[in-house]
């Protein structure tokens, strides 16, 4: 994040074979964080719904950091991850 290495521990929170994978942060740089990925077949192949919920540990400072920089970086990271997932699914 912003060129810094960040680490967190996560645990699986939801699994539906070949369609849903969810996990949440148990320890790390965020106050809380959850991710859910859902893959649904459709007429063109598959669609992916990827949702993230997160909260920074500092109330006002965290919100300011989120608005100024972090949200954009999370979105860019998600875009890259979705491209990677798409490439893997299409193999």
PDB file of N, CA and C in Angstrom:
ATOM      1  N   UNK A   1       0.853  -1.176   0.000  1.00  0.00           N
ATOM      2  CA  UNK A   1       0.000   0.000   0.000  1.00  0.00           C
ATOM      3  C   UNK A   1       0.890   1.228   0.000  1.00  0.00           C
ATOM      4  N   UNK A   2       0.748   2.078  -1.001  1.00  0.00           N
ATOM      5  CA  UNK A   2       1.580   3.257  -1.198  1.00  0.00           C
ATOM      6  C   UNK A   2       3.051   2.892  -1.189  1.00  0.00           C
ATOM      7  N   UNK A   3       3.376   1.734  -1.765  1.00  0.00           N
ATOM      8  CA  UNK A   3       4.753   1.294  -1.825  1.00  0.00           C
ATOM      9  C   UNK A   3       5.268   0.645  -0.558  1.00  0.00           C
ATOM     10  N   UNK A   4       4.436   0.587   0.477  1.00  0.00           N
ATOM     11  CA  UNK A   4       4.848  -0.040   1.731  1.00  0.00           C
ATOM     12  C   UNK A   4       4.316  -1.468   1.772  1.00  0.00           C
ATOM     13  N   UNK A   5       5.078  -2.334   2.406  1.00  0.00           N
ATOM     14  CA  UNK A   5       4.633  -3.706   2.606  1.00  0.00           C
ATOM     15  C   UNK A   5       3.736  -3.742   3.840  1.00  0.00           C
ATOM     16  N   UNK A   6       2.555  -4.309   3.686  1.00  0.00           N
ATOM     17  CA  UNK A   6       1.640  -4.477   4.818  1.00  0.00           C
ATOM     18  C   UNK A   6       1.266  -5.945   4.916  1.00  0.00           C
ATOM     19  N   UNK A   7       1.040  -6.405   6.113  1.00  0.00           N
ATOM     20  CA  UNK A   7       0.693  -7.802   6.333  1.00  0.00           C
ATOM     21  C   UNK A   7      -0.562  -7.893   7.174  1.00  0.00           C
ATOM     22  N   UNK A   8      -1.274  -8.981   6.987  1.00  0.00           N
ATOM     23  CA  UNK A   8      -2.448  -9.238   7.813  1.00  0.00           C
ATOM     24  C   UNK A   8      -2.698 -10.740   7.850  1.00  0.00           C
ATOM     25  N   UNK A   9      -3.391 -11.170   8.873  1.00  0.00           N
ATOM     26  CA  UNK A   9      -3.837 -12.557   8.979  1.00  0.00           C
ATOM     27  C   UNK A   9      -5.309 -12.587   8.601  1.00  0.00           C
ATOM     28  N   UNK A  10      -5.696 -13.616   7.863  1.00  0.00           N
ATOM     29  CA  UNK A  10      -7.086 -13.744   7.451  1.00  0.00           C
ATOM     30  C   UNK A  10      -7.589 -15.148   7.741  1.00  0.00           C
ATOM     31  N   UNK A  11      -8.909 -15.259   7.788  1.00  0.00           N
ATOM     32  CA  UNK A  11      -9.530 -16.571   7.906  1.00  0.00           C
ATOM     33  C   UNK A  11     -10.671 -16.656   6.910  1.00  0.00           C
ATOM     34  N   UNK A  12     -10.896 -17.855   6.410  1.00  0.00           N
ATOM     35  CA  UNK A  12     -11.991 -18.088   5.482  1.00  0.00           C
ATOM     36  C   UNK A  12     -13.310 -17.944   6.221  1.00  0.00           C
ATOM     37  N   UNK A  13     -14.231 -17.197   5.643  1.00  0.00           N
ATOM     38  CA  UNK A  13     -15.520 -16.966   6.287  1.00  0.00           C
ATOM     39  C   UNK A  13     -16.685 -17.597   5.513  1.00  0.00           C
ATOM     40  N   UNK A  14     -16.440 -17.923   4.236  1.00  0.00           N
ATOM     41  CA  UNK A  14     -17.518 -18.491   3.421  1.00  0.00           C
ATOM     42  C   UNK A  14     -16.914 -19.193   2.212  1.00  0.00           C
ATOM     43  N   UNK A  15     -17.404 -20.394   1.929  1.00  0.00           N
ATOM     44  CA  UNK A  15     -16.969 -21.126   0.737  1.00  0.00           C
ATOM     45  C   UNK A  15     -18.162 -21.880   0.158  1.00  0.00           C
ATOM     46  N   UNK A  16     -18.392 -21.673  -1.117  1.00  0.00           N
ATOM     47  CA  UNK A  16     -19.328 -22.485  -1.885  1.00  0.00           C
ATOM     48  C   UNK A  16     -18.508 -22.949  -3.088  1.00  0.00           C
ATOM     49  N   UNK A  17     -18.276 -24.235  -3.185  1.00  0.00           N
ATOM     50  CA  UNK A  17     -17.359 -24.775  -4.181  1.00  0.00           C
ATOM     51  C   UNK A  17     -17.630 -24.224  -5.582  1.00  0.00           C
ATOM     52  N   UNK A  18     -16.577 -23.734  -6.188  1.00  0.00           N
ATOM     53  CA  UNK A  18     -16.592 -23.199  -7.560  1.00  0.00           C
ATOM     54  C   UNK A  18     -17.464 -21.963  -7.759  1.00  0.00           C
ATOM     55  N   UNK A  19     -17.899 -21.311  -6.666  1.00  0.00           N
ATOM     56  CA  UNK A  19     -18.689 -20.102  -6.895  1.00  0.00           C
ATOM     57  C   UNK A  19     -18.473 -18.981  -5.879  1.00  0.00           C
ATOM     58  N   UNK A  20     -18.203 -19.276  -4.619  1.00  0.00           N
ATOM     59  CA  UNK A  20     -18.069 -18.214  -3.617  1.00  0.00           C
ATOM     60  C   UNK A  20     -16.862 -18.477  -2.725  1.00  0.00           C
ATOM     61  N   UNK A  21     -16.104 -17.408  -2.482  1.00  0.00           N
ATOM     62  CA  UNK A  21     -15.016 -17.465  -1.521  1.00  0.00           C
ATOM     63  C   UNK A  21     -15.019 -16.162  -0.745  1.00  0.00           C
ATOM     64  N   UNK A  22     -15.080 -16.270   0.580  1.00  0.00           N
ATOM     65  CA  UNK A  22     -15.056 -15.089   1.430  1.00  0.00           C
ATOM     66  C   UNK A  22     -14.018 -15.248   2.520  1.00  0.00           C
ATOM     67  N   UNK A  23     -13.392 -14.137   2.879  1.00  0.00           N
ATOM     68  CA  UNK A  23     -12.443 -14.174   3.987  1.00  0.00           C
ATOM     69  C   UNK A  23     -12.473 -12.845   4.718  1.00  0.00           C
ATOM     70  N   UNK A  24     -11.975 -12.867   5.958  1.00  0.00           N
ATOM     71  CA  UNK A  24     -11.945 -11.640   6.761  1.00  0.00           C
ATOM     72  C   UNK A  24     -10.606 -11.539   7.466  1.00  0.00           C
ATOM     73  N   UNK A  25     -10.206 -10.314   7.719  1.00  0.00           N
ATOM     74  CA  UNK A  25      -8.955 -10.070   8.422  1.00  0.00           C
ATOM     75  C   UNK A  25      -9.146 -10.354   9.906  1.00  0.00           C
ATOM     76  N   UNK A  26      -8.223 -11.081  10.493  1.00  0.00           N
ATOM     77  CA  UNK A  26      -8.264 -11.341  11.932  1.00  0.00           C
ATOM     78  C   UNK A  26      -7.229 -10.515  12.678  1.00  0.00           C
ATOM     79  N   UNK A  27      -6.176 -10.112  11.967  1.00  0.00           N
ATOM     80  CA  UNK A  27      -5.143  -9.269  12.556  1.00  0.00           C
ATOM     81  C   UNK A  27      -4.421  -8.569  11.417  1.00  0.00           C
ATOM     82  N   UNK A  28      -4.089  -7.305  11.604  1.00  0.00           N
ATOM     83  CA  UNK A  28      -3.356  -6.611  10.558  1.00  0.00           C
ATOM     84  C   UNK A  28      -3.482  -5.113  10.637  1.00  0.00           C
ATOM     85  N   UNK A  29      -3.237  -4.470   9.515  1.00  0.00           N
ATOM     86  CA  UNK A  29      -3.162  -3.012   9.477  1.00  0.00           C
ATOM     87  C   UNK A  29      -4.514  -2.317   9.451  1.00  0.00           C
ATOM     88  N   UNK A  30      -5.581  -3.028   9.167  1.00  0.00           N
ATOM     89  CA  UNK A  30      -6.919  -2.441   9.163  1.00  0.00           C
ATOM     90  C   UNK A  30      -7.621  -2.708  10.490  1.00  0.00           C
ATOM     91  N   UNK A  31      -8.570  -1.846  10.845  1.00  0.00           N
ATOM     92  CA  UNK A  31      -9.405  -2.108  12.012  1.00  0.00           C
ATOM     93  C   UNK A  31     -10.286  -3.328  11.739  1.00  0.00           C
ATOM     94  N   UNK A  32     -10.829  -3.393  10.523  1.00  0.00           N
ATOM     95  CA  UNK A  32     -11.595  -4.565  10.089  1.00  0.00           C
ATOM     96  C   UNK A  32     -11.540  -4.626   8.572  1.00  0.00           C
ATOM     97  N   UNK A  33     -11.690  -5.828   8.052  1.00  0.00           N
ATOM     98  CA  UNK A  33     -11.682  -6.003   6.613  1.00  0.00           C
ATOM     99  C   UNK A  33     -12.332  -7.316   6.227  1.00  0.00           C
ATOM    100  N   UNK A  34     -13.176  -7.270   5.206  1.00  0.00           N
ATOM    101  CA  UNK A  34     -13.853  -8.465   4.683  1.00  0.00           C
ATOM    102  C   UNK A  34     -13.827  -8.409   3.157  1.00  0.00           C
ATOM    103  N   UNK A  35     -13.672  -9.580   2.555  1.00  0.00           N
ATOM    104  CA  UNK A  35     -13.693  -9.701   1.100  1.00  0.00           C
ATOM    105  C   UNK A  35     -14.574 -10.880   0.716  1.00  0.00           C
ATOM    106  N   UNK A  36     -15.346 -10.719  -0.345  1.00  0.00           N
ATOM    107  CA  UNK A  36     -16.203 -11.799  -0.849  1.00  0.00           C
ATOM    108  C   UNK A  36     -16.113 -11.789  -2.366  1.00  0.00           C
ATOM    109  N   UNK A  37     -15.823 -12.958  -2.939  1.00  0.00           N
ATOM    110  CA  UNK A  37     -15.731 -13.125  -4.388  1.00  0.00           C
ATOM    111  C   UNK A  37     -16.773 -14.154  -4.797  1.00  0.00           C
ATOM    112  N   UNK A  38     -17.614 -13.777  -5.754  1.00  0.00           N
ATOM    113  CA  UNK A  38     -18.647 -14.688  -6.245  1.00  0.00           C
ATOM    114  C   UNK A  38     -18.531 -14.801  -7.761  1.00  0.00           C
ATOM    115  N   UNK A  39     -18.454 -16.029  -8.242  1.00  0.00           N
ATOM    116  CA  UNK A  39     -18.351 -16.301  -9.675  1.00  0.00           C
ATOM    117  C   UNK A  39     -19.648 -16.968 -10.126  1.00  0.00           C
ATOM    118  N   UNK A  40     -20.294 -16.367 -11.124  1.00  0.00           N
ATOM    119  CA  UNK A  40     -21.569 -16.887 -11.613  1.00  0.00           C
ATOM    120  C   UNK A  40     -21.485 -17.135 -13.120  1.00  0.00           C
ATOM    121  N   UNK A  41     -21.827 -18.343 -13.558  1.00  0.00           N
ATOM    122  CA  UNK A  41     -21.862 -18.606 -15.006  1.00  0.00           C
ATOM    123  C   UNK A  41     -22.951 -17.754 -15.663  1.00  0.00           C
ATOM    124  N   UNK A  42     -22.694 -17.338 -16.887  1.00  0.00           N
ATOM    125  CA  UNK A  42     -23.714 -16.642 -17.671  1.00  0.00           C
ATOM    126  C   UNK A  42     -23.536 -17.011 -19.141  1.00  0.00           C
ATOM    127  N   UNK A  43     -24.321 -16.410 -20.019  1.00  0.00           N
ATOM    128  CA  UNK A  43     -24.293 -16.771 -21.435  1.00  0.00           C
ATOM    129  C   UNK A  43     -22.955 -16.442 -22.111  1.00  0.00           C
ATOM    130  N   UNK A  44     -22.170 -15.534 -21.545  1.00  0.00           N
ATOM    131  CA  UNK A  44     -20.879 -15.164 -22.135  1.00  0.00           C
ATOM    132  C   UNK A  44     -19.708 -15.881 -21.470  1.00  0.00           C
ATOM    133  N   UNK A  45     -19.968 -16.675 -20.467  1.00  0.00           N
ATOM    134  CA  UNK A  45     -18.906 -17.366 -19.724  1.00  0.00           C
ATOM    135  C   UNK A  45     -19.171 -17.295 -18.234  1.00  0.00           C
ATOM    136  N   UNK A  46     -18.628 -16.266 -17.588  1.00  0.00           N
ATOM    137  CA  UNK A  46     -18.837 -16.073 -16.151  1.00  0.00           C
ATOM    138  C   UNK A  46     -18.775 -14.597 -15.816  1.00  0.00           C
ATOM    139  N   UNK A  47     -19.425 -14.241 -14.733  1.00  0.00           N
ATOM    140  CA  UNK A  47     -19.290 -12.890 -14.190  1.00  0.00           C
ATOM    141  C   UNK A  47     -18.762 -13.022 -12.764  1.00  0.00           C
ATOM    142  N   UNK A  48     -18.005 -12.014 -12.352  1.00  0.00           N
ATOM    143  CA  UNK A  48     -17.404 -12.021 -11.024  1.00  0.00           C
ATOM    144  C   UNK A  48     -17.893 -10.799 -10.258  1.00  0.00           C
ATOM    145  N   UNK A  49     -18.370 -11.050  -9.054  1.00  0.00           N
ATOM    146  CA  UNK A  49     -18.712  -9.957  -8.136  1.00  0.00           C
ATOM    147  C   UNK A  49     -17.702 -10.011  -7.003  1.00  0.00           C
ATOM    148  N   UNK A  50     -16.973  -8.933  -6.836  1.00  0.00           N
ATOM    149  CA  UNK A  50     -15.903  -8.879  -5.843  1.00  0.00           C
ATOM    150  C   UNK A  50     -16.202  -7.692  -4.941  1.00  0.00           C
ATOM    151  N   UNK A  51     -16.421  -7.956  -3.668  1.00  0.00           N
ATOM    152  CA  UNK A  51     -16.718  -6.849  -2.754  1.00  0.00           C
ATOM    153  C   UNK A  51     -15.728  -6.829  -1.598  1.00  0.00           C
ATOM    154  N   UNK A  52     -15.356  -5.640  -1.211  1.00  0.00           N
ATOM    155  CA  UNK A  52     -14.461  -5.405  -0.074  1.00  0.00           C
ATOM    156  C   UNK A  52     -15.118  -4.429   0.882  1.00  0.00           C
ATOM    157  N   UNK A  53     -15.014  -4.720   2.145  1.00  0.00           N
ATOM    158  CA  UNK A  53     -15.417  -3.786   3.193  1.00  0.00           C
ATOM    159  C   UNK A  53     -14.209  -3.640   4.104  1.00  0.00           C
ATOM    160  N   UNK A  54     -13.858  -2.431   4.431  1.00  0.00           N
ATOM    161  CA  UNK A  54     -12.707  -2.220   5.297  1.00  0.00           C
ATOM    162  C   UNK A  54     -12.882  -0.953   6.113  1.00  0.00           C
ATOM    163  N   UNK A  55     -12.157  -0.916   7.215  1.00  0.00           N
ATOM    164  CA  UNK A  55     -12.176   0.268   8.078  1.00  0.00           C
ATOM    165  C   UNK A  55     -10.763   0.477   8.605  1.00  0.00           C
ATOM    166  N   UNK A  56     -10.271   1.700   8.446  1.00  0.00           N
ATOM    167  CA  UNK A  56      -8.946   2.020   8.970  1.00  0.00           C
ATOM    168  C   UNK A  56      -9.014   2.185  10.485  1.00  0.00           C
ATOM    169  N   UNK A  57      -7.894   1.976  11.176  1.00  0.00           N
ATOM    170  CA  UNK A  57      -7.910   2.003  12.637  1.00  0.00           C
ATOM    171  C   UNK A  57      -8.072   3.392  13.253  1.00  0.00           C
ATOM    172  N   UNK A  58      -7.863   4.446  12.495  1.00  0.00           N
ATOM    173  CA  UNK A  58      -7.944   5.789  13.060  1.00  0.00           C
ATOM    174  C   UNK A  58      -9.182   6.486  12.517  1.00  0.00           C
ATOM    175  N   UNK A  59     -10.017   6.985  13.387  1.00  0.00           N
ATOM    176  CA  UNK A  59     -11.296   7.534  12.943  1.00  0.00           C
ATOM    177  C   UNK A  59     -11.130   8.652  11.919  1.00  0.00           C
ATOM    178  N   UNK A  60     -10.741   9.840  12.310  1.00  0.00           N
ATOM    179  CA  UNK A  60     -10.669  10.968  11.376  1.00  0.00           C
ATOM    180  C   UNK A  60      -9.484  10.843  10.436  1.00  0.00           C
ATOM    181  N   UNK A  61      -8.338  10.463  10.970  1.00  0.00           N
ATOM    182  CA  UNK A  61      -7.150  10.317  10.142  1.00  0.00           C
ATOM    183  C   UNK A  61      -7.343   9.195   9.124  1.00  0.00           C
ATOM    184  N   UNK A  62      -7.920   8.087   9.553  1.00  0.00           N
ATOM    185  CA  UNK A  62      -8.182   6.970   8.649  1.00  0.00           C
ATOM    186  C   UNK A  62      -9.145   7.346   7.546  1.00  0.00           C
ATOM    187  N   UNK A  63     -10.189   8.079   7.884  1.00  0.00           N
ATOM    188  CA  UNK A  63     -11.156   8.510   6.870  1.00  0.00           C
ATOM    189  C   UNK A  63     -10.515   9.460   5.865  1.00  0.00           C
ATOM    190  N   UNK A  64      -9.673  10.358   6.364  1.00  0.00           N
ATOM    191  CA  UNK A  64      -8.979  11.288   5.478  1.00  0.00           C
ATOM    192  C   UNK A  64      -8.016  10.520   4.566  1.00  0.00           C
ATOM    193  N   UNK A  65      -7.262   9.591   5.137  1.00  0.00           N
ATOM    194  CA  UNK A  65      -6.327   8.782   4.364  1.00  0.00           C
ATOM    195  C   UNK A  65      -7.074   7.988   3.293  1.00  0.00           C
ATOM    196  N   UNK A  66      -8.221   7.450   3.655  1.00  0.00           N
ATOM    197  CA  UNK A  66      -9.032   6.685   2.712  1.00  0.00           C
ATOM    198  C   UNK A  66      -9.454   7.560   1.541  1.00  0.00           C
ATOM    199  N   UNK A  67      -9.968   8.736   1.837  1.00  0.00           N
ATOM    200  CA  UNK A  67     -10.450   9.617   0.773  1.00  0.00           C
ATOM    201  C   UNK A  67      -9.317  10.124  -0.113  1.00  0.00           C
ATOM    202  N   UNK A  68      -8.168  10.414   0.484  1.00  0.00           N
ATOM    203  CA  UNK A  68      -7.073  10.991  -0.283  1.00  0.00           C
ATOM    204  C   UNK A  68      -6.329   9.972  -1.136  1.00  0.00           C
ATOM    205  N   UNK A  69      -6.154   8.777  -0.645  1.00  0.00           N
ATOM    206  CA  UNK A  69      -5.259   7.877  -1.349  1.00  0.00           C
ATOM    207  C   UNK A  69      -5.663   6.407  -1.333  1.00  0.00           C
ATOM    208  N   UNK A  70      -6.015   5.883  -0.171  1.00  0.00           N
ATOM    209  CA  UNK A  70      -6.159   4.435   0.001  1.00  0.00           C
ATOM    210  C   UNK A  70      -7.257   3.835  -0.869  1.00  0.00           C
ATOM    211  N   UNK A  71      -8.406   4.476  -0.944  1.00  0.00           N
ATOM    212  CA  UNK A  71      -9.510   3.913  -1.731  1.00  0.00           C
ATOM    213  C   UNK A  71      -9.084   3.709  -3.179  1.00  0.00           C
ATOM    214  N   UNK A  72      -8.386   4.682  -3.728  1.00  0.00           N
ATOM    215  CA  UNK A  72      -7.909   4.586  -5.110  1.00  0.00           C
ATOM    216  C   UNK A  72      -6.953   3.403  -5.257  1.00  0.00           C
ATOM    217  N   UNK A  73      -6.068   3.224  -4.282  1.00  0.00           N
ATOM    218  CA  UNK A  73      -5.117   2.118  -4.354  1.00  0.00           C
ATOM    219  C   UNK A  73      -5.816   0.768  -4.205  1.00  0.00           C
ATOM    220  N   UNK A  74      -6.801   0.688  -3.310  1.00  0.00           N
ATOM    221  CA  UNK A  74      -7.577  -0.544  -3.186  1.00  0.00           C
ATOM    222  C   UNK A  74      -8.284  -0.864  -4.503  1.00  0.00           C
ATOM    223  N   UNK A  75      -8.869   0.148  -5.132  1.00  0.00           N
ATOM    224  CA  UNK A  75      -9.565  -0.060  -6.400  1.00  0.00           C
ATOM    225  C   UNK A  75      -8.601  -0.528  -7.487  1.00  0.00           C
ATOM    226  N   UNK A  76      -7.412   0.073  -7.546  1.00  0.00           N
ATOM    227  CA  UNK A  76      -6.422  -0.342  -8.531  1.00  0.00           C
ATOM    228  C   UNK A  76      -5.973  -1.781  -8.259  1.00  0.00           C
ATOM    229  N   UNK A  77      -5.765  -2.109  -7.000  1.00  0.00           N
ATOM    230  CA  UNK A  77      -5.390  -3.475  -6.631  1.00  0.00           C
ATOM    231  C   UNK A  77      -6.474  -4.479  -6.986  1.00  0.00           C
ATOM    232  N   UNK A  78      -7.732  -4.102  -6.760  1.00  0.00           N
ATOM    233  CA  UNK A  78      -8.848  -4.980  -7.121  1.00  0.00           C
ATOM    234  C   UNK A  78      -8.924  -5.160  -8.632  1.00  0.00           C
ATOM    235  N   UNK A  79      -8.744  -4.079  -9.389  1.00  0.00           N
ATOM    236  CA  UNK A  79      -8.772  -4.182 -10.849  1.00  0.00           C
ATOM    237  C   UNK A  79      -7.703  -5.154 -11.338  1.00  0.00           C
ATOM    238  N   UNK A  80      -6.510  -5.052 -10.792  1.00  0.00           N
ATOM    239  CA  UNK A  80      -5.417  -5.943 -11.176  1.00  0.00           C
ATOM    240  C   UNK A  80      -5.725  -7.387 -10.778  1.00  0.00           C
ATOM    241  N   UNK A  81      -6.278  -7.567  -9.593  1.00  0.00           N
ATOM    242  CA  UNK A  81      -6.629  -8.912  -9.124  1.00  0.00           C
ATOM    243  C   UNK A  81      -7.720  -9.534  -9.993  1.00  0.00           C
ATOM    244  N   UNK A  82      -8.691  -8.741 -10.402  1.00  0.00           N
ATOM    245  CA  UNK A  82      -9.764  -9.235 -11.266  1.00  0.00           C
ATOM    246  C   UNK A  82      -9.198  -9.649 -12.625  1.00  0.00           C
ATOM    247  N   UNK A  83      -8.278  -8.859 -13.170  1.00  0.00           N
ATOM    248  CA  UNK A  83      -7.640  -9.230 -14.441  1.00  0.00           C
ATOM    249  C   UNK A  83      -6.901 -10.559 -14.290  1.00  0.00           C
ATOM    250  N   UNK A  84      -6.168 -10.720 -13.189  1.00  0.00           N
ATOM    251  CA  UNK A  84      -5.446 -11.968 -12.949  1.00  0.00           C
ATOM    252  C   UNK A  84      -6.400 -13.144 -12.815  1.00  0.00           C
ATOM    253  N   UNK A  85      -7.499 -12.938 -12.077  1.00  0.00           N
ATOM    254  CA  UNK A  85      -8.493 -14.000 -11.918  1.00  0.00           C
ATOM    255  C   UNK A  85      -9.105 -14.365 -13.267  1.00  0.00           C
ATOM    256  N   UNK A  86      -9.434 -13.372 -14.056  1.00  0.00           N
ATOM    257  CA  UNK A  86     -10.007 -13.601 -15.382  1.00  0.00           C
ATOM    258  C   UNK A  86      -9.055 -14.440 -16.235  1.00  0.00           C
ATOM    259  N   UNK A  87      -7.782 -14.066 -16.233  1.00  0.00           N
ATOM    260  CA  UNK A  87      -6.793 -14.818 -17.005  1.00  0.00           C
ATOM    261  C   UNK A  87      -6.707 -16.275 -16.538  1.00  0.00           C
ATOM    262  N   UNK A  88      -6.770 -16.500 -15.262  1.00  0.00           N
ATOM    263  CA  UNK A  88      -6.695 -17.869 -14.735  1.00  0.00           C
ATOM    264  C   UNK A  88      -7.944 -18.668 -15.082  1.00  0.00           C
ATOM    265  N   UNK A  89      -9.107 -18.031 -15.006  1.00  0.00           N
ATOM    266  CA  UNK A  89     -10.344 -18.727 -15.323  1.00  0.00           C
ATOM    267  C   UNK A  89     -10.458 -19.079 -16.794  1.00  0.00           C
ATOM    268  N   UNK A  90      -9.842 -18.273 -17.644  1.00  0.00           N
ATOM    269  CA  UNK A  90      -9.954 -18.478 -19.089  1.00  0.00           C
ATOM    270  C   UNK A  90      -8.960 -19.512 -19.617  1.00  0.00           C
ATOM    271  N   UNK A  91      -8.053 -19.983 -18.807  1.00  0.00           N
ATOM    272  CA  UNK A  91      -7.061 -20.983 -19.262  1.00  0.00           C
ATOM    273  C   UNK A  91      -7.694 -22.308 -19.517  1.00  0.00           C
TER     274      UNK A  91
END
